[in-house]
Amino acid sequence: MARAKNKTDLIENAETSFEKMMQLVESFTPEQQESDFPMPTMNRNIRDLLTHIHEWHLMLLNWHETGERGEKPEIPAPDHNWRTTPLLNKEIHAKYESTSLKDAKNLVNDSHIRIMKLIHSLTNDQLFLKNQVSWTKSTTLGAYFISATSSHYEWAMKIMRQYARLLKHPKK
């Protein structure tokens, strides 16, 4: 999938990737959906992937809301910077450890809808021209949305496809 360069592509890529990701989740049996992955990965199972994406959706929504108030958001999160993202991701994992798969599916679906509503409310210029939003500095707002949507969905699908291959051909 080509990286979005405008609002139309951003919406199409995000919706298409999200639908494919959720279809891939449902392609696993209920037991496989609940099982831990047999390969080493930061996220141990499908629930972890979905809650990880959900939390990054929430962070982006928060960054935008904070920026709209004229304040500077703490990116990626309070007490974190981009170098400490692995630690932040571990904290996200711990936050959702007791979340059920059903709840994880609902959470990511709901936050995806919120992200898409926000994208629809913004203009192409707001999304893809530089220096439109002060808190994004030299990056476009669209780049943040790409990262939180289609890129994250593709990342999750890559892990789930690896899981599917291992289920078909387990290592001995």
C-alpha atoms as a PDB file:
ATOM      1  CA  MET A   1       0.000   0.000   0.000  1.00  0.00           C
ATOM      2  CA  ALA A   2       1.464   3.344  -1.026  1.00  0.00           C
ATOM      3  CA  ARG A   3       1.953   5.894   1.734  1.00  0.00           C
ATOM      4  CA  ALA A   4      -0.884   8.422   1.775  1.00  0.00           C
ATOM      5  CA  LYS A   5      -0.035  11.845   0.396  1.00  0.00           C
ATOM      6  CA  ASN A   6      -3.498  13.368   0.777  1.00  0.00           C
ATOM      7  CA  LYS A   7      -6.636  13.128   2.894  1.00  0.00           C
ATOM      8  CA  THR A   8      -8.464  10.830   0.478  1.00  0.00           C
ATOM      9  CA  ASP A   9      -5.616   8.316   0.462  1.00  0.00           C
ATOM     10  CA  LEU A  10      -5.223   8.576   4.229  1.00  0.00           C
ATOM     11  CA  ILE A  11      -8.882   7.713   4.769  1.00  0.00           C
ATOM     12  CA  GLU A  12      -8.847   4.895   2.225  1.00  0.00           C
ATOM     13  CA  ASN A  13      -5.613   3.366   3.546  1.00  0.00           C
ATOM     14  CA  ALA A  14      -6.719   3.598   7.170  1.00  0.00           C
ATOM     15  CA  GLU A  15     -10.153   2.081   6.544  1.00  0.00           C
ATOM     16  CA  THR A  16      -8.856  -0.646   4.228  1.00  0.00           C
ATOM     17  CA  SER A  17      -6.021  -1.637   6.547  1.00  0.00           C
ATOM     18  CA  PHE A  18      -8.273  -1.626   9.602  1.00  0.00           C
ATOM     19  CA  GLU A  19     -10.839  -3.832   7.877  1.00  0.00           C
ATOM     20  CA  LYS A  20      -8.113  -6.243   6.721  1.00  0.00           C
ATOM     21  CA  MET A  21      -6.602  -6.337  10.200  1.00  0.00           C
ATOM     22  CA  MET A  22      -9.922  -7.163  11.841  1.00  0.00           C
ATOM     23  CA  GLN A  23     -10.685  -9.789   9.174  1.00  0.00           C
ATOM     24  CA  LEU A  24      -7.305 -11.353   9.857  1.00  0.00           C
ATOM     25  CA  VAL A  25      -8.092 -11.455  13.581  1.00  0.00           C
ATOM     26  CA  GLU A  26     -11.364 -13.228  12.832  1.00  0.00           C
ATOM     27  CA  SER A  27      -9.635 -15.711  10.511  1.00  0.00           C
ATOM     28  CA  PHE A  28      -8.103 -17.355  13.577  1.00  0.00           C
ATOM     29  CA  THR A  29     -10.119 -19.820  15.619  1.00  0.00           C
ATOM     30  CA  PRO A  30     -11.351 -18.503  18.977  1.00  0.00           C
ATOM     31  CA  GLU A  31      -8.648 -20.551  20.690  1.00  0.00           C
ATOM     32  CA  GLN A  32      -5.922 -19.173  18.418  1.00  0.00           C
ATOM     33  CA  GLN A  33      -7.181 -15.626  19.006  1.00  0.00           C
ATOM     34  CA  GLU A  34      -6.759 -16.144  22.761  1.00  0.00           C
ATOM     35  CA  SER A  35      -3.431 -18.012  22.617  1.00  0.00           C
ATOM     36  CA  ASP A  36      -0.011 -16.494  23.076  1.00  0.00           C
ATOM     37  CA  PHE A  37       2.181 -16.260  20.007  1.00  0.00           C
ATOM     38  CA  PRO A  38       4.839 -19.005  19.772  1.00  0.00           C
ATOM     39  CA  MET A  39       7.440 -16.472  18.627  1.00  0.00           C
ATOM     40  CA  PRO A  40       9.140 -13.746  20.630  1.00  0.00           C
ATOM     41  CA  THR A  41       7.451 -10.381  20.199  1.00  0.00           C
ATOM     42  CA  MET A  42       6.753  -7.418  22.446  1.00  0.00           C
ATOM     43  CA  ASN A  43       3.051  -8.225  22.291  1.00  0.00           C
ATOM     44  CA  ARG A  44       2.282 -11.771  23.347  1.00  0.00           C
ATOM     45  CA  ASN A  45      -1.072 -12.237  21.631  1.00  0.00           C
ATOM     46  CA  ILE A  46      -3.746 -10.640  19.463  1.00  0.00           C
ATOM     47  CA  ARG A  47      -5.292  -8.821  22.423  1.00  0.00           C
ATOM     48  CA  ASP A  48      -1.953  -7.145  23.072  1.00  0.00           C
ATOM     49  CA  LEU A  49      -1.703  -5.974  19.459  1.00  0.00           C
ATOM     50  CA  LEU A  50      -5.198  -4.492  19.536  1.00  0.00           C
ATOM     51  CA  THR A  51      -4.793  -2.732  22.876  1.00  0.00           C
ATOM     52  CA  HIS A  52      -1.397  -1.388  21.790  1.00  0.00           C
ATOM     53  CA  ILE A  53      -2.995   0.196  18.730  1.00  0.00           C
ATOM     54  CA  HIS A  54      -5.928   1.458  20.795  1.00  0.00           C
ATOM     55  CA  GLU A  55      -3.605   3.226  23.230  1.00  0.00           C
ATOM     56  CA  TRP A  56      -1.664   4.882  20.399  1.00  0.00           C
ATOM     57  CA  HIS A  57      -4.998   6.053  18.968  1.00  0.00           C
ATOM     58  CA  LEU A  58      -5.815   7.607  22.330  1.00  0.00           C
ATOM     59  CA  MET A  59      -2.416   9.277  22.546  1.00  0.00           C
ATOM     60  CA  LEU A  60      -2.860  10.874  19.116  1.00  0.00           C
ATOM     61  CA  LEU A  61      -6.363  12.063  20.017  1.00  0.00           C
ATOM     62  CA  ASN A  62      -4.934  13.568  23.207  1.00  0.00           C
ATOM     63  CA  TRP A  63      -2.070  15.258  21.364  1.00  0.00           C
ATOM     64  CA  HIS A  64      -4.541  16.837  18.967  1.00  0.00           C
ATOM     65  CA  GLU A  65      -6.921  17.990  21.727  1.00  0.00           C
ATOM     66  CA  THR A  66      -4.025  19.477  23.692  1.00  0.00           C
ATOM     67  CA  GLY A  67      -2.715  21.255  20.596  1.00  0.00           C
ATOM     68  CA  GLU A  68      -6.177  22.622  19.812  1.00  0.00           C
ATOM     69  CA  ARG A  69      -6.217  24.254  23.264  1.00  0.00           C
ATOM     70  CA  GLY A  70      -2.997  26.029  22.313  1.00  0.00           C
ATOM     71  CA  GLU A  71      -0.909  23.875  24.612  1.00  0.00           C
ATOM     72  CA  LYS A  72       2.084  21.727  23.734  1.00  0.00           C
ATOM     73  CA  PRO A  73       1.311  17.999  24.091  1.00  0.00           C
ATOM     74  CA  GLU A  74       3.785  15.702  25.807  1.00  0.00           C
ATOM     75  CA  ILE A  75       4.810  13.434  22.963  1.00  0.00           C
ATOM     76  CA  PRO A  76       4.766  10.509  23.004  1.00  0.00           C
ATOM     77  CA  ALA A  77       3.562  10.521  26.634  1.00  0.00           C
ATOM     78  CA  PRO A  78       4.322  12.185  29.970  1.00  0.00           C
ATOM     79  CA  ASP A  79       7.783  11.207  31.221  1.00  0.00           C
ATOM     80  CA  HIS A  80       8.651   9.694  27.832  1.00  0.00           C
ATOM     81  CA  ASN A  81      10.417  10.702  24.639  1.00  0.00           C
ATOM     82  CA  TRP A  82      10.872   8.820  21.373  1.00  0.00           C
ATOM     83  CA  ARG A  83      13.972   7.062  22.770  1.00  0.00           C
ATOM     84  CA  THR A  84      11.923   5.606  25.629  1.00  0.00           C
ATOM     85  CA  THR A  85       9.166   4.263  23.374  1.00  0.00           C
ATOM     86  CA  PRO A  86      10.078   0.625  24.208  1.00  0.00           C
ATOM     87  CA  LEU A  87       9.468   1.352  27.885  1.00  0.00           C
ATOM     88  CA  LEU A  88       6.226   3.167  27.051  1.00  0.00           C
ATOM     89  CA  ASN A  89       5.073   0.159  25.032  1.00  0.00           C
ATOM     90  CA  LYS A  90       5.800  -2.110  28.006  1.00  0.00           C
ATOM     91  CA  GLU A  91       3.685   0.189  30.180  1.00  0.00           C
ATOM     92  CA  ILE A  92       0.872  -0.003  27.624  1.00  0.00           C
ATOM     93  CA  HIS A  93       1.112  -3.792  27.697  1.00  0.00           C
ATOM     94  CA  ALA A  94       0.873  -3.838  31.500  1.00  0.00           C
ATOM     95  CA  LYS A  95      -2.068  -1.413  31.471  1.00  0.00           C
ATOM     96  CA  TYR A  96      -4.184  -3.779  29.360  1.00  0.00           C
ATOM     97  CA  GLU A  97      -2.966  -7.179  30.612  1.00  0.00           C
ATOM     98  CA  SER A  98      -6.296  -8.022  32.221  1.00  0.00           C
ATOM     99  CA  THR A  99      -8.386  -6.791  29.276  1.00  0.00           C
ATOM    100  CA  SER A 100     -10.403  -9.476  27.531  1.00  0.00           C
ATOM    101  CA  LEU A 101     -10.016 -10.068  23.813  1.00  0.00           C
ATOM    102  CA  LYS A 102     -13.650  -9.057  23.300  1.00  0.00           C
ATOM    103  CA  ASP A 103     -13.032  -5.776  25.107  1.00  0.00           C
ATOM    104  CA  ALA A 104      -9.811  -5.225  23.166  1.00  0.00           C
ATOM    105  CA  LYS A 105     -11.719  -5.600  19.886  1.00  0.00           C
ATOM    106  CA  ASN A 106     -14.330  -3.105  21.079  1.00  0.00           C
ATOM    107  CA  LEU A 107     -11.708  -0.648  22.328  1.00  0.00           C
ATOM    108  CA  VAL A 108      -9.710  -0.619  19.091  1.00  0.00           C
ATOM    109  CA  ASN A 109     -12.868  -0.387  17.011  1.00  0.00           C
ATOM    110  CA  ASP A 110     -14.154   2.559  19.042  1.00  0.00           C
ATOM    111  CA  SER A 111     -10.849   4.436  18.990  1.00  0.00           C
ATOM    112  CA  HIS A 112     -10.480   3.774  15.249  1.00  0.00           C
ATOM    113  CA  ILE A 113     -13.893   5.372  14.715  1.00  0.00           C
ATOM    114  CA  ARG A 114     -12.834   8.394  16.798  1.00  0.00           C
ATOM    115  CA  ILE A 115      -9.589   8.744  14.827  1.00  0.00           C
ATOM    116  CA  MET A 116     -11.472   8.521  11.527  1.00  0.00           C
ATOM    117  CA  LYS A 117     -14.006  11.163  12.624  1.00  0.00           C
ATOM    118  CA  LEU A 118     -11.129  13.473  13.447  1.00  0.00           C
ATOM    119  CA  ILE A 119      -9.450  12.844  10.085  1.00  0.00           C
ATOM    120  CA  HIS A 120     -12.740  13.579   8.302  1.00  0.00           C
ATOM    121  CA  SER A 121     -13.059  16.872  10.220  1.00  0.00           C
ATOM    122  CA  LEU A 122      -9.672  18.151   9.048  1.00  0.00           C
ATOM    123  CA  THR A 123      -8.769  19.644   5.680  1.00  0.00           C
ATOM    124  CA  ASN A 124      -6.224  18.213   3.304  1.00  0.00           C
ATOM    125  CA  ASP A 125      -3.993  21.232   4.015  1.00  0.00           C
ATOM    126  CA  GLN A 126      -4.241  20.728   7.790  1.00  0.00           C
ATOM    127  CA  LEU A 127      -3.214  17.120   7.307  1.00  0.00           C
ATOM    128  CA  PHE A 128      -0.538  17.332   4.630  1.00  0.00           C
ATOM    129  CA  LEU A 129       1.005  20.792   4.555  1.00  0.00           C
ATOM    130  CA  LYS A 130       3.928  21.370   6.880  1.00  0.00           C
ATOM    131  CA  ASN A 131       3.764  23.994   9.623  1.00  0.00           C
ATOM    132  CA  GLN A 132      -0.033  23.803   9.871  1.00  0.00           C
ATOM    133  CA  VAL A 133       0.000  22.500  13.439  1.00  0.00           C
ATOM    134  CA  SER A 134       2.589  23.898  15.844  1.00  0.00           C
ATOM    135  CA  TRP A 135       3.064  20.749  17.912  1.00  0.00           C
ATOM    136  CA  THR A 136       3.997  18.587  14.905  1.00  0.00           C
ATOM    137  CA  LYS A 137       7.000  20.840  14.200  1.00  0.00           C
ATOM    138  CA  SER A 138       8.388  19.944  10.746  1.00  0.00           C
ATOM    139  CA  THR A 139       6.246  16.799  10.401  1.00  0.00           C
ATOM    140  CA  THR A 140       2.787  16.911   8.881  1.00  0.00           C
ATOM    141  CA  LEU A 141      -0.226  16.015  10.980  1.00  0.00           C
ATOM    142  CA  GLY A 142      -1.048  13.439   8.321  1.00  0.00           C
ATOM    143  CA  ALA A 143       2.190  11.607   9.099  1.00  0.00           C
ATOM    144  CA  TYR A 144       1.016  11.167  12.686  1.00  0.00           C
ATOM    145  CA  PHE A 145      -2.308   9.780  11.484  1.00  0.00           C
ATOM    146  CA  ILE A 146      -0.581   7.408   9.055  1.00  0.00           C
ATOM    147  CA  SER A 147       1.580   6.113  11.892  1.00  0.00           C
ATOM    148  CA  ALA A 148      -1.394   5.617  14.240  1.00  0.00           C
ATOM    149  CA  THR A 149      -3.612   3.993  11.614  1.00  0.00           C
ATOM    150  CA  SER A 150      -2.495   2.197   8.462  1.00  0.00           C
ATOM    151  CA  SER A 151       1.159   1.773   9.490  1.00  0.00           C
ATOM    152  CA  HIS A 152       0.178   0.372  12.877  1.00  0.00           C
ATOM    153  CA  TYR A 153      -2.460  -1.874  11.312  1.00  0.00           C
ATOM    154  CA  GLU A 154       0.077  -3.210   8.798  1.00  0.00           C
ATOM    155  CA  TRP A 155       2.551  -3.841  11.636  1.00  0.00           C
ATOM    156  CA  ALA A 156      -0.069  -5.866  13.551  1.00  0.00           C
ATOM    157  CA  MET A 157      -0.972  -7.852  10.435  1.00  0.00           C
ATOM    158  CA  LYS A 158       2.682  -8.699   9.836  1.00  0.00           C
ATOM    159  CA  ILE A 159       2.889 -10.225  13.325  1.00  0.00           C
ATOM    160  CA  MET A 160      -0.406 -12.090  12.885  1.00  0.00           C
ATOM    161  CA  ARG A 161       0.696 -13.478   9.508  1.00  0.00           C
ATOM    162  CA  GLN A 162       3.891 -14.751  11.095  1.00  0.00           C
ATOM    163  CA  TYR A 163       1.733 -16.368  13.783  1.00  0.00           C
ATOM    164  CA  ALA A 164      -0.469 -17.973  11.105  1.00  0.00           C
ATOM    165  CA  ARG A 165       2.589 -19.395   9.315  1.00  0.00           C
ATOM    166  CA  LEU A 166       3.872 -20.885  12.558  1.00  0.00           C
ATOM    167  CA  LEU A 167       0.471 -22.444  13.240  1.00  0.00           C
ATOM    168  CA  LYS A 168       0.559 -24.133   9.811  1.00  0.00           C
ATOM    169  CA  HIS A 169       4.203 -25.168  10.045  1.00  0.00           C
ATOM    170  CA  PRO A 170       5.248 -25.402  13.702  1.00  0.00           C
ATOM    171  CA  LYS A 171       8.979 -25.508  14.364  1.00  0.00           C
ATOM    172  CA  LYS A 172      10.169 -28.766  15.872  1.00  0.00           C
END
